[in-house]
Protein backbone atom coordinates (compact mmCIF):
# COMPACT_ATOMS: atom_id res chain seq x y z
CA MET A 1 13.34 19.52 25.51
CA LYS A 2 16.85 18.17 25.96
CA ARG A 3 18.91 18.48 29.15
CA PRO A 4 21.43 21.34 28.74
CA SER A 5 25.09 20.31 28.66
CA SER A 6 26.19 23.27 30.78
CA LEU A 7 24.62 22.26 34.11
CA THR A 8 26.62 22.64 37.32
CA GLU A 9 27.07 19.22 38.93
CA ILE A 10 27.15 19.14 42.74
CA PRO A 11 27.95 16.36 45.23
CA MET A 12 24.96 14.20 46.14
CA ALA A 13 25.50 15.02 49.84
CA VAL A 14 25.03 18.73 49.08
CA ALA A 15 21.82 18.06 47.14
CA ARG A 16 20.41 16.01 50.01
CA SER A 17 21.41 18.50 52.72
CA GLY A 18 18.20 20.52 52.52
CA GLY A 19 16.05 22.67 50.32
CA VAL A 20 13.88 21.54 47.42
CA ASN A 21 15.04 18.54 45.39
CA ILE A 22 13.53 17.66 42.02
CA LEU A 23 13.88 13.98 41.08
CA ILE A 24 14.16 13.05 37.41
CA GLY A 25 14.74 9.89 35.39
CA PRO A 26 17.43 9.30 32.77
CA GLY A 27 17.11 11.71 29.87
CA GLU A 28 14.12 13.48 31.42
CA TRP A 29 14.13 17.28 31.08
CA ASP A 30 11.37 19.79 30.40
CA GLY A 31 10.46 23.41 30.98
CA TRP A 32 9.36 22.82 34.58
CA ILE A 33 12.66 21.16 35.46
CA GLN A 34 14.55 23.98 33.75
CA GLU A 35 12.62 26.56 35.79
CA ALA A 36 13.38 24.68 39.01
CA TYR A 37 17.09 24.56 38.09
CA ASP A 38 17.09 28.26 37.18
CA GLY A 39 15.40 28.98 40.52
CA GLY A 40 18.25 27.36 42.44
CA HIS A 41 16.65 24.03 43.33
CA SER A 42 18.66 20.80 43.30
CA ILE A 43 17.96 18.38 40.47
CA ILE A 44 18.73 14.73 41.29
CA GLU A 45 18.95 12.41 38.31
CA TYR A 46 18.27 8.72 38.87
CA ASP A 47 19.76 5.93 36.75
CA LYS A 48 17.82 3.09 35.10
CA GLU A 49 17.94 1.07 38.33
CA GLU A 50 16.33 4.03 40.15
CA ARG A 51 19.45 4.88 42.14
CA PRO A 52 20.59 8.50 42.50
CA ALA A 53 23.29 9.04 39.89
CA ARG A 54 24.05 12.77 39.67
CA ALA A 55 22.88 16.05 41.13
CA PHE A 56 22.83 19.53 39.64
CA GLN A 57 22.23 23.00 41.05
CA LYS A 58 22.72 26.40 39.49
CA LYS A 59 25.65 28.33 40.94
CA LYS A 60 24.53 30.97 43.40
CA VAL A 61 26.46 33.67 41.52
CA ASP A 62 24.67 32.74 38.28
CA LEU A 63 21.34 32.74 40.12
CA GLN A 64 22.00 36.18 41.60
CA MET A 65 23.02 37.58 38.20
CA SER A 66 19.88 36.19 36.55
CA LEU A 67 17.76 37.95 39.17
CA PHE A 68 19.66 41.18 38.53
CA LYS A 69 19.39 40.94 34.74
CA ASP A 70 15.67 40.14 34.51
CA GLY A 71 14.58 42.91 36.86
CA ARG A 72 13.39 40.78 39.79
CA GLY A 73 16.41 41.93 41.81
CA GLY A 74 15.48 45.58 41.85
CA ARG A 75 17.36 46.80 38.76
CA GLY A 76 16.42 45.90 35.20
């Protein structure tokens, strides 16, 4: 599975400020990582030298809409 191009990049300081962070290597992406991203967790991508390079997190509005659309938010 390839990393989607439409991820929302966030500042590293925001990703490290709390919550669940998923750490991935360059080019790494699979169904579990996608589920974590869709669930609102921060994804921190490390570069080849194992330094944090970028962080991603789904926008809260998108997360809320996905809950509404799939029925977990009370309306289906």
